[in-house]
Amino acid sequence: MNAIPRLSPAERAAVFVMLLSDVDAAALLAQLGPEELEAVGTAMCAMGDVDPGRIADAIAGFISAAETSTLPARGREDRLQAVFARALGDVKAHSMMERIAPDAAPRSVEVARWLAPRVLVSLLEDEHPQVIALLLLLLETRQAAEILTMLPAPLQPELVERIARLGAVSGDAVELLDALLSARISQRFGAAALNVGGAREAASLINLADAGVSRSVLAAIGQKDAELARAIEAEMFTFEMLAELDSMGMGRLLRDVENEVLVDALKGLDETGREPFFAAMSGRAADGLRDEIELRGKLRRADMLSAQQRIVEIARKLADDGEISLGAADGEFV
């Protein structure tokens, strides 16, 4: 009897959505971000008939994840406002959110998250670099990195430098950005300070940009401020750099990585790229993982990159807690 292929996280979510009524499914999908919505929608269209075994797999996976998951704070204000809007109407919902969450992100920034990077570039490419830098910090890092890559090369180092130097940003500045975005978006188709920016945010941004952007930006910043360039470079960390972990560090990392996430992350690598992960396991576990990777079937590149980024985030947290040691950059840009 052939084993039932394991469902991906997106496929499991798709099964849950299909088990709900249309009203409940719509309410659930309304809480997803653009990339999540695309992944679940793609899975729903591609899965075909879903037999009882795969339904059971989806439910079992949810229960397993729930045992070790937490409810993240990020995005909770947006979700609460959406619930309030359905219960009270837009006007009352907005008033209530002003009372309980006055520092929530500007509404136009949330709209901007749904715009294609090329559209945002066309809206803001003529604006002051400080305005663009602030917007990049308020967007999701991957979206911001795509925008950085599309902007003129001479502007890129200045933007990353401004992001690294930003500290307290006045509520007035955020409100001005909100008004500018609202006006530009309309033409085209809070009050407390926000602590944003820093070397880590700048590193996260250029980690996700093209490799050429990373090299040119750090070189340019290094010529002006070698200390700042070193600080940014020290915070840079990519999935490929995990191969430099020693066997003990890799073993510690793998204990916190869900098996499905690891399978998706390694799916796009060749055997050489997978070897540092296999080497930290027993031979039996490594062979089992190889079999799961082969059975995984086709995988969207976006899903693979998402899994790799999840592992990088886990590694970064373990490094911050002192449980593993991530190798520092070699300083080639400074």
C-alpha atoms as a PDB file:
ATOM      1  CA  MET A   1       0.000   0.000   0.000  1.00  0.00           C
ATOM      2  CA  ASN A   2       1.442   3.368  -1.013  1.00  0.00           C
ATOM      3  CA  ALA A   3       1.984   5.908   1.737  1.00  0.00           C
ATOM      4  CA  ILE A   4      -0.128   9.049   1.593  1.00  0.00           C
ATOM      5  CA  PRO A   5       2.109  12.014   0.637  1.00  0.00           C
ATOM      6  CA  ARG A   6       2.495  14.503   3.462  1.00  0.00           C
ATOM      7  CA  LEU A   7       0.632  17.758   2.941  1.00  0.00           C
ATOM      8  CA  SER A   8       2.515  21.040   2.851  1.00  0.00           C
ATOM      9  CA  PRO A   9       1.513  23.798   5.316  1.00  0.00           C
ATOM     10  CA  ALA A  10      -0.328  25.604   2.508  1.00  0.00           C
ATOM     11  CA  GLU A  11      -2.193  22.415   1.561  1.00  0.00           C
ATOM     12  CA  ARG A  12      -3.201  21.803   5.173  1.00  0.00           C
ATOM     13  CA  ALA A  13      -4.536  25.335   5.411  1.00  0.00           C
ATOM     14  CA  ALA A  14      -6.398  24.796   2.135  1.00  0.00           C
ATOM     15  CA  VAL A  15      -8.056  21.661   3.517  1.00  0.00           C
ATOM     16  CA  PHE A  16      -9.242  23.559   6.591  1.00  0.00           C
ATOM     17  CA  VAL A  17     -10.672  26.335   4.455  1.00  0.00           C
ATOM     18  CA  MET A  18     -12.528  23.806   2.292  1.00  0.00           C
ATOM     19  CA  LEU A  19     -14.026  22.188   5.409  1.00  0.00           C
ATOM     20  CA  LEU A  20     -15.588  25.495   6.490  1.00  0.00           C
ATOM     21  CA  SER A  21     -18.805  27.103   5.313  1.00  0.00           C
ATOM     22  CA  ASP A  22     -18.456  29.842   2.703  1.00  0.00           C
ATOM     23  CA  VAL A  23     -19.073  32.540   5.319  1.00  0.00           C
ATOM     24  CA  ASP A  24     -16.509  31.151   7.759  1.00  0.00           C
ATOM     25  CA  ALA A  25     -13.993  30.513   4.965  1.00  0.00           C
ATOM     26  CA  ALA A  26     -14.314  34.110   3.765  1.00  0.00           C
ATOM     27  CA  ALA A  27     -13.795  35.380   7.319  1.00  0.00           C
ATOM     28  CA  LEU A  28     -10.676  33.229   7.705  1.00  0.00           C
ATOM     29  CA  LEU A  29      -9.161  34.190   4.347  1.00  0.00           C
ATOM     30  CA  ALA A  30      -9.719  37.856   5.159  1.00  0.00           C
ATOM     31  CA  GLN A  31      -7.120  37.524   7.939  1.00  0.00           C
ATOM     32  CA  LEU A  32      -4.327  36.378   5.596  1.00  0.00           C
ATOM     33  CA  GLY A  33      -1.647  38.529   4.053  1.00  0.00           C
ATOM     34  CA  PRO A  34      -1.051  38.691   0.278  1.00  0.00           C
ATOM     35  CA  GLU A  35       1.583  35.930   0.111  1.00  0.00           C
ATOM     36  CA  GLU A  36      -0.367  33.640   2.449  1.00  0.00           C
ATOM     37  CA  LEU A  37      -3.562  34.158   0.475  1.00  0.00           C
ATOM     38  CA  GLU A  38      -1.778  33.329  -2.777  1.00  0.00           C
ATOM     39  CA  ALA A  39      -0.239  30.158  -1.311  1.00  0.00           C
ATOM     40  CA  VAL A  40      -3.539  28.861   0.117  1.00  0.00           C
ATOM     41  CA  GLY A  41      -5.498  29.760  -3.016  1.00  0.00           C
ATOM     42  CA  THR A  42      -2.949  28.013  -5.240  1.00  0.00           C
ATOM     43  CA  ALA A  43      -3.119  24.893  -3.068  1.00  0.00           C
ATOM     44  CA  MET A  44      -6.935  24.865  -3.157  1.00  0.00           C
ATOM     45  CA  CYS A  45      -6.941  24.985  -6.947  1.00  0.00           C
ATOM     46  CA  ALA A  46      -4.241  22.325  -7.349  1.00  0.00           C
ATOM     47  CA  MET A  47      -5.271  19.659  -4.829  1.00  0.00           C
ATOM     48  CA  GLY A  48      -8.194  18.058  -6.639  1.00  0.00           C
ATOM     49  CA  ASP A  49     -10.229  15.532  -4.619  1.00  0.00           C
ATOM     50  CA  VAL A  50      -9.189  15.373  -0.964  1.00  0.00           C
ATOM     51  CA  ASP A  51      -9.602  11.920   0.519  1.00  0.00           C
ATOM     52  CA  PRO A  52     -10.193  11.146   4.235  1.00  0.00           C
ATOM     53  CA  GLY A  53      -6.530  10.286   4.783  1.00  0.00           C
ATOM     54  CA  ARG A  54      -5.378  13.725   3.719  1.00  0.00           C
ATOM     55  CA  ILE A  55      -8.109  15.392   5.768  1.00  0.00           C
ATOM     56  CA  ALA A  56      -6.905  13.447   8.809  1.00  0.00           C
ATOM     57  CA  ASP A  57      -3.313  14.480   8.015  1.00  0.00           C
ATOM     58  CA  ALA A  58      -4.335  18.137   7.940  1.00  0.00           C
ATOM     59  CA  ILE A  59      -6.107  17.875  11.294  1.00  0.00           C
ATOM     60  CA  ALA A  60      -3.232  15.943  12.884  1.00  0.00           C
ATOM     61  CA  GLY A  61      -0.763  18.528  11.634  1.00  0.00           C
ATOM     62  CA  PHE A  62      -2.835  21.335  13.120  1.00  0.00           C
ATOM     63  CA  ILE A  63      -2.980  19.604  16.508  1.00  0.00           C
ATOM     64  CA  SER A  64       0.776  18.960  16.443  1.00  0.00           C
ATOM     65  CA  ALA A  65       1.551  22.572  15.555  1.00  0.00           C
ATOM     66  CA  ALA A  66      -0.830  23.883  18.209  1.00  0.00           C
ATOM     67  CA  GLU A  67       1.064  22.023  20.933  1.00  0.00           C
ATOM     68  CA  THR A  68       4.211  24.100  20.343  1.00  0.00           C
ATOM     69  CA  SER A  69       2.853  27.285  18.773  1.00  0.00           C
ATOM     70  CA  THR A  70       2.220  30.702  20.247  1.00  0.00           C
ATOM     71  CA  LEU A  71      -0.192  33.387  19.111  1.00  0.00           C
ATOM     72  CA  PRO A  72       2.020  36.181  17.692  1.00  0.00           C
ATOM     73  CA  ALA A  73       1.342  39.793  18.620  1.00  0.00           C
ATOM     74  CA  ARG A  74       2.253  41.069  15.175  1.00  0.00           C
ATOM     75  CA  GLY A  75      -0.757  42.035  13.112  1.00  0.00           C
ATOM     76  CA  ARG A  76      -3.177  41.613  15.995  1.00  0.00           C
ATOM     77  CA  GLU A  77      -4.421  45.212  15.761  1.00  0.00           C
ATOM     78  CA  ASP A  78      -5.280  44.725  12.081  1.00  0.00           C
ATOM     79  CA  ARG A  79      -7.170  41.532  12.840  1.00  0.00           C
ATOM     80  CA  LEU A  80      -9.026  43.139  15.753  1.00  0.00           C
ATOM     81  CA  GLN A  81     -10.049  46.120  13.631  1.00  0.00           C
ATOM     82  CA  ALA A  82     -11.385  43.787  10.930  1.00  0.00           C
ATOM     83  CA  VAL A  83     -13.450  41.910  13.543  1.00  0.00           C
ATOM     84  CA  PHE A  84     -14.713  45.171  15.013  1.00  0.00           C
ATOM     85  CA  ALA A  85     -15.633  46.451  11.545  1.00  0.00           C
ATOM     86  CA  ARG A  86     -17.793  43.393  10.872  1.00  0.00           C
ATOM     87  CA  ALA A  87     -19.444  43.686  14.295  1.00  0.00           C
ATOM     88  CA  LEU A  88     -19.793  47.467  14.638  1.00  0.00           C
ATOM     89  CA  GLY A  89     -19.302  49.007  11.209  1.00  0.00           C
ATOM     90  CA  ASP A  90     -16.284  50.944   9.919  1.00  0.00           C
ATOM     91  CA  VAL A  91     -16.910  54.210  11.794  1.00  0.00           C
ATOM     92  CA  LYS A  92     -17.416  52.682  15.247  1.00  0.00           C
ATOM     93  CA  ALA A  93     -14.598  50.208  14.662  1.00  0.00           C
ATOM     94  CA  HIS A  94     -12.159  53.016  13.820  1.00  0.00           C
ATOM     95  CA  SER A  95     -13.228  54.965  16.913  1.00  0.00           C
ATOM     96  CA  MET A  96     -12.772  51.941  19.156  1.00  0.00           C
ATOM     97  CA  MET A  97      -9.307  51.203  17.738  1.00  0.00           C
ATOM     98  CA  GLU A  98      -8.274  54.818  18.382  1.00  0.00           C
ATOM     99  CA  ARG A  99      -9.130  54.246  22.046  1.00  0.00           C
ATOM    100  CA  ILE A 100      -7.387  50.927  22.561  1.00  0.00           C
ATOM    101  CA  ALA A 101      -4.548  51.025  19.990  1.00  0.00           C
ATOM    102  CA  PRO A 102      -3.703  54.653  19.152  1.00  0.00           C
ATOM    103  CA  ASP A 103      -0.238  53.693  17.911  1.00  0.00           C
ATOM    104  CA  ALA A 104      -1.472  51.266  15.255  1.00  0.00           C
ATOM    105  CA  ALA A 105       0.207  51.457  11.849  1.00  0.00           C
ATOM    106  CA  PRO A 106      -1.232  54.014   9.401  1.00  0.00           C
ATOM    107  CA  ARG A 107      -4.005  52.582   7.247  1.00  0.00           C
ATOM    108  CA  SER A 108      -2.301  53.572   3.970  1.00  0.00           C
ATOM    109  CA  VAL A 109       0.789  51.556   4.921  1.00  0.00           C
ATOM    110  CA  GLU A 110      -1.415  48.491   5.273  1.00  0.00           C
ATOM    111  CA  VAL A 111      -2.818  49.231   1.806  1.00  0.00           C
ATOM    112  CA  ALA A 112       0.733  49.542   0.489  1.00  0.00           C
ATOM    113  CA  ARG A 113       1.485  45.986   1.644  1.00  0.00           C
ATOM    114  CA  TRP A 114      -0.923  44.754  -1.022  1.00  0.00           C
ATOM    115  CA  LEU A 115       0.637  46.751  -3.852  1.00  0.00           C
ATOM    116  CA  ALA A 116       3.193  45.198  -6.168  1.00  0.00           C
ATOM    117  CA  PRO A 117       6.746  46.468  -5.476  1.00  0.00           C
ATOM    118  CA  ARG A 118       6.953  47.959  -8.981  1.00  0.00           C
ATOM    119  CA  VAL A 119       3.810  50.024  -8.291  1.00  0.00           C
ATOM    120  CA  LEU A 120       5.237  51.351  -5.030  1.00  0.00           C
ATOM    121  CA  VAL A 121       8.486  52.252  -6.764  1.00  0.00           C
ATOM    122  CA  SER A 122       6.574  54.290  -9.324  1.00  0.00           C
ATOM    123  CA  LEU A 123       4.701  56.062  -6.518  1.00  0.00           C
ATOM    124  CA  LEU A 124       7.743  57.019  -4.443  1.00  0.00           C
ATOM    125  CA  GLU A 125      10.861  57.003  -6.619  1.00  0.00           C
ATOM    126  CA  ASP A 126      10.920  60.842  -6.761  1.00  0.00           C
ATOM    127  CA  GLU A 127      10.414  61.297  -3.017  1.00  0.00           C
ATOM    128  CA  HIS A 128      13.084  62.269  -0.485  1.00  0.00           C
ATOM    129  CA  PRO A 129      15.259  59.274   0.548  1.00  0.00           C
ATOM    130  CA  GLN A 130      14.160  59.680   4.171  1.00  0.00           C
ATOM    131  CA  VAL A 131      10.536  59.171   3.132  1.00  0.00           C
ATOM    132  CA  ILE A 132      11.409  56.057   1.130  1.00  0.00           C
ATOM    133  CA  ALA A 133      13.563  54.665   3.972  1.00  0.00           C
ATOM    134  CA  LEU A 134      10.731  55.058   6.474  1.00  0.00           C
ATOM    135  CA  LEU A 135       8.275  53.302   4.181  1.00  0.00           C
ATOM    136  CA  LEU A 136      10.683  50.401   3.618  1.00  0.00           C
ATOM    137  CA  LEU A 137      10.888  49.909   7.382  1.00  0.00           C
ATOM    138  CA  LEU A 138       7.110  49.838   7.737  1.00  0.00           C
ATOM    139  CA  LEU A 139       6.656  47.220   4.991  1.00  0.00           C
ATOM    140  CA  GLU A 140       7.332  43.494   5.178  1.00  0.00           C
ATOM    141  CA  THR A 141      11.078  42.917   4.777  1.00  0.00           C
ATOM    142  CA  ARG A 142      10.800  40.775   1.634  1.00  0.00           C
ATOM    143  CA  GLN A 143       8.580  43.338  -0.096  1.00  0.00           C
ATOM    144  CA  ALA A 144      10.921  46.141   0.984  1.00  0.00           C
ATOM    145  CA  ALA A 145      13.927  44.232  -0.375  1.00  0.00           C
ATOM    146  CA  GLU A 146      12.272  43.861  -3.775  1.00  0.00           C
ATOM    147  CA  ILE A 147      11.607  47.603  -3.833  1.00  0.00           C
ATOM    148  CA  LEU A 148      15.217  48.351  -2.875  1.00  0.00           C
ATOM    149  CA  THR A 149      16.439  46.196  -5.756  1.00  0.00           C
ATOM    150  CA  MET A 150      14.224  48.078  -8.240  1.00  0.00           C
ATOM    151  CA  LEU A 151      15.291  51.550  -7.135  1.00  0.00           C
ATOM    152  CA  PRO A 152      18.237  53.301  -8.869  1.00  0.00           C
ATOM    153  CA  ALA A 153      21.588  51.831  -7.795  1.00  0.00           C
ATOM    154  CA  PRO A 154      23.055  55.205  -6.688  1.00  0.00           C
ATOM    155  CA  LEU A 155      20.140  55.627  -4.267  1.00  0.00           C
ATOM    156  CA  GLN A 156      20.422  52.183  -2.644  1.00  0.00           C
ATOM    157  CA  PRO A 157      23.409  52.856  -0.322  1.00  0.00           C
ATOM    158  CA  GLU A 158      21.832  56.063   1.002  1.00  0.00           C
ATOM    159  CA  LEU A 159      18.574  54.265   1.780  1.00  0.00           C
ATOM    160  CA  VAL A 160      20.272  51.412   3.647  1.00  0.00           C
ATOM    161  CA  GLU A 161      22.425  53.917   5.543  1.00  0.00           C
ATOM    162  CA  ARG A 162      19.349  55.917   6.581  1.00  0.00           C
ATOM    163  CA  ILE A 163      17.595  52.723   7.696  1.00  0.00           C
ATOM    164  CA  ALA A 164      20.603  51.758   9.809  1.00  0.00           C
ATOM    165  CA  ARG A 165      20.738  55.201  11.433  1.00  0.00           C
ATOM    166  CA  LEU A 166      17.014  55.693  12.124  1.00  0.00           C
ATOM    167  CA  GLY A 167      15.948  55.641  15.739  1.00  0.00           C
ATOM    168  CA  ALA A 168      12.924  57.463  17.111  1.00  0.00           C
ATOM    169  CA  VAL A 169      10.624  58.644  14.317  1.00  0.00           C
ATOM    170  CA  SER A 170       8.043  61.240  15.265  1.00  0.00           C
ATOM    171  CA  GLY A 171       4.358  60.504  14.923  1.00  0.00           C
ATOM    172  CA  ASP A 172       4.141  63.589  12.689  1.00  0.00           C
ATOM    173  CA  ALA A 173       6.573  62.006  10.228  1.00  0.00           C
ATOM    174  CA  VAL A 174       4.510  58.819  10.104  1.00  0.00           C
ATOM    175  CA  GLU A 175       1.327  60.835   9.606  1.00  0.00           C
ATOM    176  CA  LEU A 176       2.956  62.765   6.742  1.00  0.00           C
ATOM    177  CA  LEU A 177       3.964  59.472   5.129  1.00  0.00           C
ATOM    178  CA  ASP A 178       0.415  58.201   5.599  1.00  0.00           C
ATOM    179  CA  ALA A 179      -1.014  61.332   3.949  1.00  0.00           C
ATOM    180  CA  LEU A 180       1.491  61.123   1.091  1.00  0.00           C
ATOM    181  CA  LEU A 181       0.722  57.468   0.419  1.00  0.00           C
ATOM    182  CA  SER A 182      -3.016  58.093   0.570  1.00  0.00           C
ATOM    183  CA  ALA A 183      -2.734  60.925  -1.947  1.00  0.00           C
ATOM    184  CA  ARG A 184      -0.463  58.979  -4.299  1.00  0.00           C
ATOM    185  CA  ILE A 185      -2.590  55.824  -4.156  1.00  0.00           C
ATOM    186  CA  SER A 186      -5.739  57.848  -4.793  1.00  0.00           C
ATOM    187  CA  GLN A 187      -4.158  59.615  -7.748  1.00  0.00           C
ATOM    188  CA  ARG A 188      -2.992  56.337  -9.198  1.00  0.00           C
ATOM    189  CA  PHE A 189      -6.055  53.937  -9.627  1.00  0.00           C
ATOM    190  CA  GLY A 190      -1.126  58.327  16.087  1.00  0.00           C
ATOM    191  CA  ALA A 191       0.878  60.333  17.341  1.00  0.00           C
ATOM    192  CA  ALA A 192       3.586  58.548  19.373  1.00  0.00           C
ATOM    193  CA  ALA A 193       7.154  58.053  18.201  1.00  0.00           C
ATOM    194  CA  LEU A 194       8.052  54.736  16.598  1.00  0.00           C
ATOM    195  CA  ASN A 195      11.375  53.104  17.404  1.00  0.00           C
ATOM    196  CA  VAL A 196      12.445  51.737  14.043  1.00  0.00           C
ATOM    197  CA  GLY A 197      15.608  51.091  12.132  1.00  0.00           C
ATOM    198  CA  GLY A 198      19.013  49.872  13.185  1.00  0.00           C
ATOM    199  CA  ALA A 199      21.781  47.688  11.822  1.00  0.00           C
ATOM    200  CA  ARG A 200      19.723  44.483  12.067  1.00  0.00           C
ATOM    201  CA  GLU A 201      16.820  45.930  10.087  1.00  0.00           C
ATOM    202  CA  ALA A 202      19.229  47.186   7.436  1.00  0.00           C
ATOM    203  CA  ALA A 203      20.915  43.750   7.306  1.00  0.00           C
ATOM    204  CA  SER A 204      17.577  41.949   7.012  1.00  0.00           C
ATOM    205  CA  LEU A 205      16.648  44.191   4.111  1.00  0.00           C
ATOM    206  CA  ILE A 206      19.787  43.624   2.060  1.00  0.00           C
ATOM    207  CA  ASN A 207      19.888  39.913   2.971  1.00  0.00           C
ATOM    208  CA  LEU A 208      16.742  39.516   0.884  1.00  0.00           C
ATOM    209  CA  ALA A 209      17.831  41.788  -1.966  1.00  0.00           C
ATOM    210  CA  ASP A 210      19.941  40.602  -4.912  1.00  0.00           C
ATOM    211  CA  ALA A 211      23.521  39.637  -4.065  1.00  0.00           C
ATOM    212  CA  GLY A 212      24.854  42.476  -6.193  1.00  0.00           C
ATOM    213  CA  VAL A 213      22.863  44.997  -4.166  1.00  0.00           C
ATOM    214  CA  SER A 214      24.360  43.672  -0.932  1.00  0.00           C
ATOM    215  CA  ARG A 215      27.942  44.001  -2.183  1.00  0.00           C
ATOM    216  CA  SER A 216      27.579  47.453  -3.723  1.00  0.00           C
ATOM    217  CA  VAL A 217      25.581  48.905  -0.826  1.00  0.00           C
ATOM    218  CA  LEU A 218      27.989  47.747   1.885  1.00  0.00           C
ATOM    219  CA  ALA A 219      31.004  48.892  -0.128  1.00  0.00           C
ATOM    220  CA  ALA A 220      29.508  52.356  -0.572  1.00  0.00           C
ATOM    221  CA  ILE A 221      28.530  52.674   3.098  1.00  0.00           C
ATOM    222  CA  GLY A 222      31.960  51.375   4.157  1.00  0.00           C
ATOM    223  CA  GLN A 223      33.680  54.204   2.328  1.00  0.00           C
ATOM    224  CA  LYS A 224      31.646  56.751   4.319  1.00  0.00           C
ATOM    225  CA  ASP A 225      31.345  54.986   7.682  1.00  0.00           C
ATOM    226  CA  ALA A 226      33.350  51.802   8.161  1.00  0.00           C
ATOM    227  CA  GLU A 227      31.952  51.215  11.657  1.00  0.00           C
ATOM    228  CA  LEU A 228      28.354  51.350  10.459  1.00  0.00           C
ATOM    229  CA  ALA A 229      29.154  48.999   7.561  1.00  0.00           C
ATOM    230  CA  ARG A 230      30.738  46.510   9.993  1.00  0.00           C
ATOM    231  CA  ALA A 231      27.673  46.715  12.252  1.00  0.00           C
ATOM    232  CA  ILE A 232      25.339  45.970   9.345  1.00  0.00           C
ATOM    233  CA  GLU A 233      27.547  43.166   8.036  1.00  0.00           C
ATOM    234  CA  ALA A 234      27.746  41.572  11.483  1.00  0.00           C
ATOM    235  CA  GLU A 235      23.930  41.322  11.517  1.00  0.00           C
ATOM    236  CA  MET A 236      23.679  39.790   8.060  1.00  0.00           C
ATOM    237  CA  PHE A 237      22.788  36.135   8.028  1.00  0.00           C
ATOM    238  CA  THR A 238      21.435  33.913   5.257  1.00  0.00           C
ATOM    239  CA  PHE A 239      20.276  30.323   5.001  1.00  0.00           C
ATOM    240  CA  GLU A 240      23.443  29.362   3.117  1.00  0.00           C
ATOM    241  CA  MET A 241      25.526  30.449   6.112  1.00  0.00           C
ATOM    242  CA  LEU A 242      23.921  27.734   8.253  1.00  0.00           C
ATOM    243  CA  ALA A 243      26.303  25.282   6.568  1.00  0.00           C
ATOM    244  CA  GLU A 244      29.092  26.858   8.657  1.00  0.00           C
ATOM    245  CA  LEU A 245      27.542  25.716  11.947  1.00  0.00           C
ATOM    246  CA  ASP A 246      29.448  23.001  13.778  1.00  0.00           C
ATOM    247  CA  SER A 247      27.729  19.656  14.313  1.00  0.00           C
ATOM    248  CA  MET A 248      26.664  20.543  17.855  1.00  0.00           C
ATOM    249  CA  GLY A 249      25.183  23.870  16.771  1.00  0.00           C
ATOM    250  CA  MET A 250      23.431  22.281  13.803  1.00  0.00           C
ATOM    251  CA  GLY A 251      22.001  19.558  16.024  1.00  0.00           C
ATOM    252  CA  ARG A 252      20.681  22.158  18.458  1.00  0.00           C
ATOM    253  CA  LEU A 253      19.091  24.104  15.619  1.00  0.00           C
ATOM    254  CA  LEU A 254      17.401  21.048  14.117  1.00  0.00           C
ATOM    255  CA  ARG A 255      15.725  20.212  17.420  1.00  0.00           C
ATOM    256  CA  ASP A 256      13.657  23.396  17.071  1.00  0.00           C
ATOM    257  CA  VAL A 257      12.827  23.022  13.368  1.00  0.00           C
ATOM    258  CA  GLU A 258       9.625  21.264  12.369  1.00  0.00           C
ATOM    259  CA  ASN A 259      10.224  18.348  10.030  1.00  0.00           C
ATOM    260  CA  GLU A 260       7.949  19.722   7.312  1.00  0.00           C
ATOM    261  CA  VAL A 261       9.748  23.066   7.358  1.00  0.00           C
ATOM    262  CA  LEU A 262      13.108  21.306   7.031  1.00  0.00           C
ATOM    263  CA  VAL A 263      11.872  19.183   4.112  1.00  0.00           C
ATOM    264  CA  ASP A 264      10.634  22.257   2.257  1.00  0.00           C
ATOM    265  CA  ALA A 265      13.828  24.203   2.995  1.00  0.00           C
ATOM    266  CA  LEU A 266      16.118  21.442   1.702  1.00  0.00           C
ATOM    267  CA  LYS A 267      13.981  20.538  -1.310  1.00  0.00           C
ATOM    268  CA  GLY A 268      15.638  23.140  -3.533  1.00  0.00           C
ATOM    269  CA  LEU A 269      19.223  22.263  -2.547  1.00  0.00           C
ATOM    270  CA  ASP A 270      21.514  19.726  -4.159  1.00  0.00           C
ATOM    271  CA  GLU A 271      23.051  16.879  -2.152  1.00  0.00           C
ATOM    272  CA  THR A 272      26.109  18.979  -1.302  1.00  0.00           C
ATOM    273  CA  GLY A 273      23.970  21.741   0.136  1.00  0.00           C
ATOM    274  CA  ARG A 274      21.961  19.257   2.200  1.00  0.00           C
ATOM    275  CA  GLU A 275      24.987  17.410   3.589  1.00  0.00           C
ATOM    276  CA  PRO A 276      25.703  19.724   6.586  1.00  0.00           C
ATOM    277  CA  PHE A 277      22.144  19.061   7.797  1.00  0.00           C
ATOM    278  CA  PHE A 278      22.354  15.305   7.229  1.00  0.00           C
ATOM    279  CA  ALA A 279      25.735  15.179   8.996  1.00  0.00           C
ATOM    280  CA  ALA A 280      24.178  16.408  12.247  1.00  0.00           C
ATOM    281  CA  MET A 281      21.650  13.519  12.243  1.00  0.00           C
ATOM    282  CA  SER A 282      21.872   9.809  12.759  1.00  0.00           C
ATOM    283  CA  GLY A 283      22.212   7.786   9.571  1.00  0.00           C
ATOM    284  CA  ARG A 284      18.664   6.479   9.938  1.00  0.00           C
ATOM    285  CA  ALA A 285      17.209   9.954  10.435  1.00  0.00           C
ATOM    286  CA  ALA A 286      19.151  11.316   7.459  1.00  0.00           C
ATOM    287  CA  ASP A 287      17.928   8.493   5.222  1.00  0.00           C
ATOM    288  CA  GLY A 288      14.350   9.116   6.330  1.00  0.00           C
ATOM    289  CA  LEU A 289      14.688  12.815   5.570  1.00  0.00           C
ATOM    290  CA  ARG A 290      16.077  12.032   2.112  1.00  0.00           C
ATOM    291  CA  ASP A 291      13.039   9.857   1.431  1.00  0.00           C
ATOM    292  CA  GLU A 292      10.649  12.601   2.562  1.00  0.00           C
ATOM    293  CA  ILE A 293      12.370  15.140   0.317  1.00  0.00           C
ATOM    294  CA  GLU A 294      11.990  12.832  -2.670  1.00  0.00           C
ATOM    295  CA  LEU A 295       8.308  12.219  -1.871  1.00  0.00           C
ATOM    296  CA  ARG A 296       7.609  15.906  -1.414  1.00  0.00           C
ATOM    297  CA  GLY A 297       6.836  16.458  -5.088  1.00  0.00           C
ATOM    298  CA  LYS A 298       6.904  19.827  -6.774  1.00  0.00           C
ATOM    299  CA  LEU A 299       7.379  22.807  -4.486  1.00  0.00           C
ATOM    300  CA  ARG A 300       6.875  26.487  -5.257  1.00  0.00           C
ATOM    301  CA  ARG A 301      10.064  28.500  -4.906  1.00  0.00           C
ATOM    302  CA  ALA A 302       8.209  30.935  -2.624  1.00  0.00           C
ATOM    303  CA  ASP A 303       7.381  28.065  -0.235  1.00  0.00           C
ATOM    304  CA  MET A 304      10.989  26.889  -0.206  1.00  0.00           C
ATOM    305  CA  LEU A 305      12.284  30.410   0.531  1.00  0.00           C
ATOM    306  CA  SER A 306       9.664  30.858   3.257  1.00  0.00           C
ATOM    307  CA  ALA A 307      10.799  27.633   4.942  1.00  0.00           C
ATOM    308  CA  GLN A 308      14.444  28.671   4.709  1.00  0.00           C
ATOM    309  CA  GLN A 309      13.645  32.079   6.197  1.00  0.00           C
ATOM    310  CA  ARG A 310      11.805  30.385   9.069  1.00  0.00           C
ATOM    311  CA  ILE A 311      14.907  28.336   9.877  1.00  0.00           C
ATOM    312  CA  VAL A 312      17.084  31.458   9.713  1.00  0.00           C
ATOM    313  CA  GLU A 313      14.757  33.153  12.219  1.00  0.00           C
ATOM    314  CA  ILE A 314      15.039  30.164  14.574  1.00  0.00           C
ATOM    315  CA  ALA A 315      18.828  30.196  14.219  1.00  0.00           C
ATOM    316  CA  ARG A 316      18.959  33.920  14.931  1.00  0.00           C
ATOM    317  CA  LYS A 317      16.886  33.487  18.122  1.00  0.00           C
ATOM    318  CA  LEU A 318      19.100  30.638  19.323  1.00  0.00           C
ATOM    319  CA  ALA A 319      22.163  32.787  18.631  1.00  0.00           C
ATOM    320  CA  ASP A 320      20.637  35.715  20.544  1.00  0.00           C
ATOM    321  CA  ASP A 321      19.999  33.339  23.461  1.00  0.00           C
ATOM    322  CA  GLY A 322      23.616  32.138  23.320  1.00  0.00           C
ATOM    323  CA  GLU A 323      22.701  28.548  22.454  1.00  0.00           C
ATOM    324  CA  ILE A 324      24.499  28.465  19.096  1.00  0.00           C
ATOM    325  CA  SER A 325      27.238  30.559  17.533  1.00  0.00           C
ATOM    326  CA  LEU A 326      26.726  32.055  14.098  1.00  0.00           C
ATOM    327  CA  GLY A 327      29.929  32.860  12.244  1.00  0.00           C
ATOM    328  CA  ALA A 328      30.632  36.555  11.766  1.00  0.00           C
ATOM    329  CA  ALA A 329      30.999  38.036   8.312  1.00  0.00           C
ATOM    330  CA  ASP A 330      34.482  38.120   6.848  1.00  0.00           C
ATOM    331  CA  GLY A 331      34.614  41.891   6.365  1.00  0.00           C
ATOM    332  CA  GLU A 332      35.226  41.830   2.632  1.00  0.00           C
ATOM    333  CA  PHE A 333      33.137  44.979   2.107  1.00  0.00           C
ATOM    334  CA  VAL A 334      34.920  47.204   4.645  1.00  0.00           C
END
